[in-house]
Structure formats: structure tokens, C-alpha cells
Amino acid sequence: MTKERFCEICKQPIDPERVEVLPDTHLCTRHAHEIQKFGGEFRLISHQERTNKPGSLKKNFGGVSTHTVRNEEAMRKLREEQGKS
């Protein structure tokens, strides 16, 4: 059983199904839609993997690895916007 999580903006409970699908979320569905105008709650970072040996002049590339990071700038803008409301 997961612990109930609350939205950072409105302090209301986040839907458990949302938390199950997006374990790193800190926004309720309403605010997740609103933050889209600032670029979304998360940013996707990608990195081209290299398979060549260090110092080699030959460039061998593998796949692309990705991970998500919180979009702190969008969170700041959403907090400011909600504070003005």
C-alpha cells in the first residue's frame, strides 16, 4: 500500500492511479494540465552512448539513454501564477 501524496500547489490528495503511473509526480491532475504551458512537470534528458575506447579517434555510437528530471523552472512559474490567483 502506498502512502497518500498531496499536490505541491493546492495541497489536495493526488489521485492514487496517477501516482502509480507517475511515481515521481508532485502535482494533482488539474495542476499537471496547467503546468503544460510552462513546459510540463518533467523534462526528458537524452544522452548518445559512445562505445569507442577512451582516447580513440574512431567514433562509435551506441543507443540513446534517457531519464527525466523535474522541471524546476516550470514549477516556480506555476507557484507564482497560483499565488497571484
PDB file of N, CA and C in Angstrom:
ATOM      1  N   MET A   1       0.849  -1.182   0.000  1.00  0.00           N
ATOM      2  CA  MET A   1       0.000   0.000   0.000  1.00  0.00           C
ATOM      3  C   MET A   1       0.893   1.243   0.000  1.00  0.00           C
ATOM      4  N   THR A   2       0.548   2.196  -0.876  1.00  0.00           N
ATOM      5  CA  THR A   2       1.333   3.414  -0.963  1.00  0.00           C
ATOM      6  C   THR A   2       0.758   4.490  -0.057  1.00  0.00           C
ATOM      7  N   LYS A   3       1.633   5.332   0.416  1.00  0.00           N
ATOM      8  CA  LYS A   3       1.240   6.432   1.280  1.00  0.00           C
ATOM      9  C   LYS A   3       0.590   7.530   0.431  1.00  0.00           C
ATOM     10  N   GLU A   4      -0.441   8.164   0.964  1.00  0.00           N
ATOM     11  CA  GLU A   4      -1.132   9.220   0.234  1.00  0.00           C
ATOM     12  C   GLU A   4      -0.183  10.401   0.017  1.00  0.00           C
ATOM     13  N   ARG A   5      -0.211  10.954  -1.195  1.00  0.00           N
ATOM     14  CA  ARG A   5       0.655  12.074  -1.548  1.00  0.00           C
ATOM     15  C   ARG A   5      -0.222  13.277  -1.879  1.00  0.00           C
ATOM     16  N   PHE A   6       0.266  14.473  -1.562  1.00  0.00           N
ATOM     17  CA  PHE A   6      -0.503  15.687  -1.768  1.00  0.00           C
ATOM     18  C   PHE A   6       0.172  16.588  -2.790  1.00  0.00           C
ATOM     19  N   CYS A   7      -0.646  17.327  -3.533  1.00  0.00           N
ATOM     20  CA  CYS A   7      -0.175  18.253  -4.565  1.00  0.00           C
ATOM     21  C   CYS A   7       0.631  19.383  -3.916  1.00  0.00           C
ATOM     22  N   GLU A   8       1.749  19.740  -4.520  1.00  0.00           N
ATOM     23  CA  GLU A   8       2.591  20.829  -4.007  1.00  0.00           C
ATOM     24  C   GLU A   8       1.910  22.186  -4.115  1.00  0.00           C
ATOM     25  N   ILE A   9       0.973  22.323  -5.032  1.00  0.00           N
ATOM     26  CA  ILE A   9       0.342  23.620  -5.272  1.00  0.00           C
ATOM     27  C   ILE A   9      -0.901  23.805  -4.405  1.00  0.00           C
ATOM     28  N   CYS A  10      -1.864  22.879  -4.499  1.00  0.00           N
ATOM     29  CA  CYS A  10      -3.145  23.055  -3.804  1.00  0.00           C
ATOM     30  C   CYS A  10      -3.272  22.233  -2.525  1.00  0.00           C
ATOM     31  N   LYS A  11      -2.304  21.376  -2.261  1.00  0.00           N
ATOM     32  CA  LYS A  11      -2.275  20.538  -1.050  1.00  0.00           C
ATOM     33  C   LYS A  11      -3.408  19.513  -0.989  1.00  0.00           C
ATOM     34  N   GLN A  12      -4.077  19.254  -2.121  1.00  0.00           N
ATOM     35  CA  GLN A  12      -5.119  18.237  -2.198  1.00  0.00           C
ATOM     36  C   GLN A  12      -4.473  16.886  -2.507  1.00  0.00           C
ATOM     37  N   PRO A  13      -5.132  15.766  -2.122  1.00  0.00           N
ATOM     38  CA  PRO A  13      -4.562  14.446  -2.421  1.00  0.00           C
ATOM     39  C   PRO A  13      -4.429  14.222  -3.923  1.00  0.00           C
ATOM     40  N   ILE A  14      -3.323  13.604  -4.316  1.00  0.00           N
ATOM     41  CA  ILE A  14      -3.103  13.236  -5.714  1.00  0.00           C
ATOM     42  C   ILE A  14      -3.764  11.881  -5.922  1.00  0.00           C
ATOM     43  N   ASP A  15      -4.454  11.743  -7.045  1.00  0.00           N
ATOM     44  CA  ASP A  15      -5.142  10.504  -7.387  1.00  0.00           C
ATOM     45  C   ASP A  15      -4.151   9.322  -7.330  1.00  0.00           C
ATOM     46  N   PRO A  16      -4.466   8.263  -6.577  1.00  0.00           N
ATOM     47  CA  PRO A  16      -3.535   7.128  -6.439  1.00  0.00           C
ATOM     48  C   PRO A  16      -3.141   6.499  -7.779  1.00  0.00           C
ATOM     49  N   GLU A  17      -4.058   6.484  -8.751  1.00  0.00           N
ATOM     50  CA  GLU A  17      -3.728   5.932 -10.066  1.00  0.00           C
ATOM     51  C   GLU A  17      -2.662   6.789 -10.758  1.00  0.00           C
ATOM     52  N   ARG A  18      -2.720   8.094 -10.560  1.00  0.00           N
ATOM     53  CA  ARG A  18      -1.708   8.992 -11.139  1.00  0.00           C
ATOM     54  C   ARG A  18      -0.345   8.714 -10.526  1.00  0.00           C
ATOM     55  N   VAL A  19      -0.314   8.538  -9.213  1.00  0.00           N
ATOM     56  CA  VAL A  19       0.955   8.252  -8.519  1.00  0.00           C
ATOM     57  C   VAL A  19       1.507   6.899  -8.965  1.00  0.00           C
ATOM     58  N   GLU A  20       0.619   5.945  -9.220  1.00  0.00           N
ATOM     59  CA  GLU A  20       1.066   4.617  -9.657  1.00  0.00           C
ATOM     60  C   GLU A  20       1.732   4.693 -11.030  1.00  0.00           C
ATOM     61  N   VAL A  21       1.152   5.499 -11.926  1.00  0.00           N
ATOM     62  CA  VAL A  21       1.694   5.629 -13.276  1.00  0.00           C
ATOM     63  C   VAL A  21       2.925   6.530 -13.299  1.00  0.00           C
ATOM     64  N   LEU A  22       2.889   7.627 -12.523  1.00  0.00           N
ATOM     65  CA  LEU A  22       3.999   8.589 -12.457  1.00  0.00           C
ATOM     66  C   LEU A  22       4.482   8.696 -11.014  1.00  0.00           C
ATOM     67  N   PRO A  23       5.319   7.771 -10.553  1.00  0.00           N
ATOM     68  CA  PRO A  23       5.732   7.743  -9.148  1.00  0.00           C
ATOM     69  C   PRO A  23       6.450   9.007  -8.674  1.00  0.00           C
ATOM     70  N   ASP A  24       7.048   9.780  -9.590  1.00  0.00           N
ATOM     71  CA  ASP A  24       7.789  10.981  -9.194  1.00  0.00           C
ATOM     72  C   ASP A  24       6.939  12.248  -9.201  1.00  0.00           C
ATOM     73  N   THR A  25       5.652  12.130  -9.536  1.00  0.00           N
ATOM     74  CA  THR A  25       4.817  13.324  -9.645  1.00  0.00           C
ATOM     75  C   THR A  25       4.556  13.967  -8.281  1.00  0.00           C
ATOM     76  N   HIS A  26       4.428  15.283  -8.306  1.00  0.00           N
ATOM     77  CA  HIS A  26       4.099  16.045  -7.105  1.00  0.00           C
ATOM     78  C   HIS A  26       2.943  16.990  -7.375  1.00  0.00           C
ATOM     79  N   LEU A  27       2.204  16.727  -8.481  1.00  0.00           N
ATOM     80  CA  LEU A  27       1.086  17.576  -8.862  1.00  0.00           C
ATOM     81  C   LEU A  27      -0.175  16.752  -9.073  1.00  0.00           C
ATOM     82  N   CYS A  28      -1.309  17.341  -8.696  1.00  0.00           N
ATOM     83  CA  CYS A  28      -2.597  16.714  -8.990  1.00  0.00           C
ATOM     84  C   CYS A  28      -2.856  16.846 -10.492  1.00  0.00           C
ATOM     85  N   THR A  29      -3.880  16.186 -10.978  1.00  0.00           N
ATOM     86  CA  THR A  29      -4.181  16.200 -12.406  1.00  0.00           C
ATOM     87  C   THR A  29      -4.446  17.613 -12.912  1.00  0.00           C
ATOM     88  N   ARG A  30      -5.193  18.402 -12.148  1.00  0.00           N
ATOM     89  CA  ARG A  30      -5.517  19.773 -12.562  1.00  0.00           C
ATOM     90  C   ARG A  30      -4.245  20.604 -12.772  1.00  0.00           C
ATOM     91  N   HIS A  31      -3.349  20.557 -11.801  1.00  0.00           N
ATOM     92  CA  HIS A  31      -2.124  21.356 -11.918  1.00  0.00           C
ATOM     93  C   HIS A  31      -1.137  20.760 -12.922  1.00  0.00           C
ATOM     94  N   ALA A  32      -1.206  19.454 -13.152  1.00  0.00           N
ATOM     95  CA  ALA A  32      -0.368  18.838 -14.184  1.00  0.00           C
ATOM     96  C   ALA A  32      -0.765  19.364 -15.559  1.00  0.00           C
ATOM     97  N   HIS A  33      -2.063  19.595 -15.772  1.00  0.00           N
ATOM     98  CA  HIS A  33      -2.513  20.184 -17.035  1.00  0.00           C
ATOM     99  C   HIS A  33      -2.090  21.649 -17.125  1.00  0.00           C
ATOM    100  N   GLU A  34      -2.184  22.371 -16.033  1.00  0.00           N
ATOM    101  CA  GLU A  34      -1.837  23.800 -16.037  1.00  0.00           C
ATOM    102  C   GLU A  34      -0.346  24.039 -16.268  1.00  0.00           C
ATOM    103  N   ILE A  35       0.514  23.137 -15.778  1.00  0.00           N
ATOM    104  CA  ILE A  35       1.961  23.346 -15.910  1.00  0.00           C
ATOM    105  C   ILE A  35       2.441  23.090 -17.341  1.00  0.00           C
ATOM    106  N   GLN A  36       1.598  22.482 -18.167  1.00  0.00           N
ATOM    107  CA  GLN A  36       1.988  22.204 -19.552  1.00  0.00           C
ATOM    108  C   GLN A  36       2.372  23.474 -20.307  1.00  0.00           C
ATOM    109  N   LYS A  37       1.732  24.606 -19.987  1.00  0.00           N
ATOM    110  CA  LYS A  37       2.054  25.852 -20.696  1.00  0.00           C
ATOM    111  C   LYS A  37       3.457  26.360 -20.358  1.00  0.00           C
ATOM    112  N   PHE A  38       4.066  25.833 -19.300  1.00  0.00           N
ATOM    113  CA  PHE A  38       5.432  26.198 -18.927  1.00  0.00           C
ATOM    114  C   PHE A  38       6.448  25.116 -19.288  1.00  0.00           C
ATOM    115  N   GLY A  39       6.002  24.085 -19.991  1.00  0.00           N
ATOM    116  CA  GLY A  39       6.922  23.034 -20.426  1.00  0.00           C
ATOM    117  C   GLY A  39       6.730  21.697 -19.735  1.00  0.00           C
ATOM    118  N   GLY A  40       5.767  21.583 -18.835  1.00  0.00           N
ATOM    119  CA  GLY A  40       5.475  20.315 -18.179  1.00  0.00           C
ATOM    120  C   GLY A  40       6.208  20.131 -16.867  1.00  0.00           C
ATOM    121  N   GLU A  41       5.768  19.144 -16.100  1.00  0.00           N
ATOM    122  CA  GLU A  41       6.347  18.871 -14.783  1.00  0.00           C
ATOM    123  C   GLU A  41       7.745  18.266 -14.884  1.00  0.00           C
ATOM    124  N   PHE A  42       7.999  17.519 -15.963  1.00  0.00           N
ATOM    125  CA  PHE A  42       9.284  16.843 -16.142  1.00  0.00           C
ATOM    126  C   PHE A  42       9.903  17.224 -17.474  1.00  0.00           C
ATOM    127  N   ARG A  43      11.223  17.140 -17.531  1.00  0.00           N
ATOM    128  CA  ARG A  43      11.970  17.307 -18.775  1.00  0.00           C
ATOM    129  C   ARG A  43      12.636  15.981 -19.081  1.00  0.00           C
ATOM    130  N   LEU A  44      12.673  15.611 -20.345  1.00  0.00           N
ATOM    131  CA  LEU A  44      13.321  14.382 -20.782  1.00  0.00           C
ATOM    132  C   LEU A  44      14.733  14.728 -21.236  1.00  0.00           C
ATOM    133  N   ILE A  45      15.713  14.101 -20.624  1.00  0.00           N
ATOM    134  CA  ILE A  45      17.123  14.316 -20.961  1.00  0.00           C
ATOM    135  C   ILE A  45      17.619  13.071 -21.704  1.00  0.00           C
ATOM    136  N   SER A  46      18.263  13.279 -22.835  1.00  0.00           N
ATOM    137  CA  SER A  46      18.800  12.145 -23.593  1.00  0.00           C
ATOM    138  C   SER A  46      20.312  12.295 -23.739  1.00  0.00           C
ATOM    139  N   HIS A  47      20.971  11.169 -23.870  1.00  0.00           N
ATOM    140  CA  HIS A  47      22.427  11.146 -23.996  1.00  0.00           C
ATOM    141  C   HIS A  47      22.810  10.065 -25.001  1.00  0.00           C
ATOM    142  N   GLN A  48      23.585  10.446 -26.010  1.00  0.00           N
ATOM    143  CA  GLN A  48      24.070   9.495 -27.007  1.00  0.00           C
ATOM    144  C   GLN A  48      25.190   8.663 -26.387  1.00  0.00           C
ATOM    145  N   GLU A  49      25.004   7.360 -26.316  1.00  0.00           N
ATOM    146  CA  GLU A  49      26.022   6.474 -25.736  1.00  0.00           C
ATOM    147  C   GLU A  49      27.154   6.278 -26.737  1.00  0.00           C
ATOM    148  N   ARG A  50      28.366   6.285 -26.226  1.00  0.00           N
ATOM    149  CA  ARG A  50      29.538   6.056 -27.076  1.00  0.00           C
ATOM    150  C   ARG A  50      30.153   4.724 -26.691  1.00  0.00           C
ATOM    151  N   THR A  51      30.527   3.947 -27.700  1.00  0.00           N
ATOM    152  CA  THR A  51      31.091   2.626 -27.440  1.00  0.00           C
ATOM    153  C   THR A  51      32.578   2.540 -27.772  1.00  0.00           C
ATOM    154  N   ASN A  52      33.170   3.648 -28.228  1.00  0.00           N
ATOM    155  CA  ASN A  52      34.598   3.608 -28.549  1.00  0.00           C
ATOM    156  C   ASN A  52      35.434   3.670 -27.265  1.00  0.00           C
ATOM    157  N   LYS A  53      36.673   3.284 -27.393  1.00  0.00           N
ATOM    158  CA  LYS A  53      37.583   3.307 -26.256  1.00  0.00           C
ATOM    159  C   LYS A  53      37.994   4.746 -25.950  1.00  0.00           C
ATOM    160  N   PRO A  54      38.247   5.055 -24.673  1.00  0.00           N
ATOM    161  CA  PRO A  54      38.694   6.426 -24.336  1.00  0.00           C
ATOM    162  C   PRO A  54      39.974   6.784 -25.098  1.00  0.00           C
ATOM    163  N   GLY A  55      40.027   7.964 -25.676  1.00  0.00           N
ATOM    164  CA  GLY A  55      41.195   8.423 -26.410  1.00  0.00           C
ATOM    165  C   GLY A  55      41.217   8.019 -27.871  1.00  0.00           C
ATOM    166  N   SER A  56      40.293   7.148 -28.281  1.00  0.00           N
ATOM    167  CA  SER A  56      40.254   6.700 -29.668  1.00  0.00           C
ATOM    168  C   SER A  56      39.704   7.796 -30.562  1.00  0.00           C
ATOM    169  N   LEU A  57      40.267   7.934 -31.765  1.00  0.00           N
ATOM    170  CA  LEU A  57      39.758   8.901 -32.722  1.00  0.00           C
ATOM    171  C   LEU A  57      38.542   8.359 -33.474  1.00  0.00           C
ATOM    172  N   LYS A  58      38.369   7.061 -33.440  1.00  0.00           N
ATOM    173  CA  LYS A  58      37.228   6.442 -34.098  1.00  0.00           C
ATOM    174  C   LYS A  58      35.990   6.678 -33.241  1.00  0.00           C
ATOM    175  N   LYS A  59      34.925   7.152 -33.850  1.00  0.00           N
ATOM    176  CA  LYS A  59      33.699   7.442 -33.105  1.00  0.00           C
ATOM    177  C   LYS A  59      32.681   6.331 -33.336  1.00  0.00           C
ATOM    178  N   ASN A  60      32.414   5.576 -32.308  1.00  0.00           N
ATOM    179  CA  ASN A  60      31.386   4.538 -32.356  1.00  0.00           C
ATOM    180  C   ASN A  60      30.264   4.940 -31.409  1.00  0.00           C
ATOM    181  N   PHE A  61      29.048   4.953 -31.911  1.00  0.00           N
ATOM    182  CA  PHE A  61      27.927   5.340 -31.092  1.00  0.00           C
ATOM    183  C   PHE A  61      26.993   4.153 -30.888  1.00  0.00           C
ATOM    184  N   GLY A  62      26.476   4.059 -29.698  1.00  0.00           N
ATOM    185  CA  GLY A  62      25.519   3.010 -29.376  1.00  0.00           C
ATOM    186  C   GLY A  62      24.117   3.585 -29.408  1.00  0.00           C
ATOM    187  N   GLY A  63      23.321   3.203 -28.447  1.00  0.00           N
ATOM    188  CA  GLY A  63      21.954   3.683 -28.369  1.00  0.00           C
ATOM    189  C   GLY A  63      21.872   5.040 -27.706  1.00  0.00           C
ATOM    190  N   VAL A  64      20.667   5.400 -27.363  1.00  0.00           N
ATOM    191  CA  VAL A  64      20.404   6.659 -26.674  1.00  0.00           C
ATOM    192  C   VAL A  64      19.795   6.323 -25.326  1.00  0.00           C
ATOM    193  N   SER A  65      20.398   6.839 -24.259  1.00  0.00           N
ATOM    194  CA  SER A  65      19.821   6.629 -22.938  1.00  0.00           C
ATOM    195  C   SER A  65      19.060   7.886 -22.541  1.00  0.00           C
ATOM    196  N   THR A  66      17.960   7.709 -21.832  1.00  0.00           N
ATOM    197  CA  THR A  66      17.127   8.842 -21.425  1.00  0.00           C
ATOM    198  C   THR A  66      16.792   8.746 -19.947  1.00  0.00           C
ATOM    199  N   HIS A  67      16.501   9.892 -19.352  1.00  0.00           N
ATOM    200  CA  HIS A  67      15.966   9.941 -17.996  1.00  0.00           C
ATOM    201  C   HIS A  67      15.196  11.252 -17.841  1.00  0.00           C
ATOM    202  N   THR A  68      14.340  11.299 -16.851  1.00  0.00           N
ATOM    203  CA  THR A  68      13.547  12.504 -16.624  1.00  0.00           C
ATOM    204  C   THR A  68      14.060  13.243 -15.395  1.00  0.00           C
ATOM    205  N   VAL A  69      13.930  14.546 -15.432  1.00  0.00           N
ATOM    206  CA  VAL A  69      14.268  15.391 -14.291  1.00  0.00           C
ATOM    207  C   VAL A  69      13.110  16.359 -14.083  1.00  0.00           C
ATOM    208  N   ARG A  70      12.946  16.800 -12.863  1.00  0.00           N
ATOM    209  CA  ARG A  70      11.888  17.760 -12.562  1.00  0.00           C
ATOM    210  C   ARG A  70      12.179  19.079 -13.262  1.00  0.00           C
ATOM    211  N   ASN A  71      11.147  19.693 -13.786  1.00  0.00           N
ATOM    212  CA  ASN A  71      11.277  20.987 -14.450  1.00  0.00           C
ATOM    213  C   ASN A  71      11.056  22.061 -13.386  1.00  0.00           C
ATOM    214  N   GLU A  72      12.114  22.403 -12.675  1.00  0.00           N
ATOM    215  CA  GLU A  72      12.024  23.342 -11.546  1.00  0.00           C
ATOM    216  C   GLU A  72      11.579  24.731 -11.983  1.00  0.00           C
ATOM    217  N   GLU A  73      11.989  25.155 -13.171  1.00  0.00           N
ATOM    218  CA  GLU A  73      11.588  26.469 -13.673  1.00  0.00           C
ATOM    219  C   GLU A  73      10.073  26.513 -13.888  1.00  0.00           C
ATOM    220  N   ALA A  74       9.508  25.459 -14.455  1.00  0.00           N
ATOM    221  CA  ALA A  74       8.057  25.406 -14.660  1.00  0.00           C
ATOM    222  C   ALA A  74       7.328  25.362 -13.326  1.00  0.00           C
ATOM    223  N   MET A  75       7.868  24.633 -12.354  1.00  0.00           N
ATOM    224  CA  MET A  75       7.246  24.577 -11.027  1.00  0.00           C
ATOM    225  C   MET A  75       7.242  25.965 -10.388  1.00  0.00           C
ATOM    226  N   ARG A  76       8.329  26.695 -10.513  1.00  0.00           N
ATOM    227  CA  ARG A  76       8.419  28.047  -9.953  1.00  0.00           C
ATOM    228  C   ARG A  76       7.372  28.960 -10.592  1.00  0.00           C
ATOM    229  N   LYS A  77       7.261  28.896 -11.919  1.00  0.00           N
ATOM    230  CA  LYS A  77       6.290  29.730 -12.626  1.00  0.00           C
ATOM    231  C   LYS A  77       4.862  29.375 -12.231  1.00  0.00           C
ATOM    232  N   LEU A  78       4.569  28.079 -12.071  1.00  0.00           N
ATOM    233  CA  LEU A  78       3.229  27.661 -11.671  1.00  0.00           C
ATOM    234  C   LEU A  78       2.908  28.149 -10.257  1.00  0.00           C
ATOM    235  N   ARG A  79       3.885  28.043  -9.353  1.00  0.00           N
ATOM    236  CA  ARG A  79       3.669  28.543  -7.988  1.00  0.00           C
ATOM    237  C   ARG A  79       3.391  30.049  -7.995  1.00  0.00           C
ATOM    238  N   GLU A  80       4.155  30.790  -8.791  1.00  0.00           N
ATOM    239  CA  GLU A  80       3.951  32.243  -8.885  1.00  0.00           C
ATOM    240  C   GLU A  80       2.575  32.555  -9.435  1.00  0.00           C
ATOM    241  N   GLU A  81       2.172  31.848 -10.481  1.00  0.00           N
ATOM    242  CA  GLU A  81       0.864  32.073 -11.097  1.00  0.00           C
ATOM    243  C   GLU A  81      -0.265  31.757 -10.114  1.00  0.00           C
ATOM    244  N   GLN A  82      -0.131  30.673  -9.370  1.00  0.00           N
ATOM    245  CA  GLN A  82      -1.167  30.281  -8.416  1.00  0.00           C
ATOM    246  C   GLN A  82      -1.219  31.242  -7.245  1.00  0.00           C
ATOM    247  N   GLY A  83      -0.079  31.832  -6.883  1.00  0.00           N
ATOM    248  CA  GLY A  83      -0.038  32.795  -5.799  1.00  0.00           C
ATOM    249  C   GLY A  83      -0.770  34.085  -6.138  1.00  0.00           C
ATOM    250  N   LYS A  84      -0.794  34.427  -7.437  1.00  0.00           N
ATOM    251  CA  LYS A  84      -1.468  35.641  -7.889  1.00  0.00           C
ATOM    252  C   LYS A  84      -2.977  35.450  -7.976  1.00  0.00           C
ATOM    253  N   SER A  85      -3.419  34.186  -8.098  1.00  0.00           N
ATOM    254  CA  SER A  85      -4.854  33.902  -8.259  1.00  0.00           C
ATOM    255  C   SER A  85      -5.630  34.171  -7.001  1.00  0.00           C
TER     256      SER A  85
END
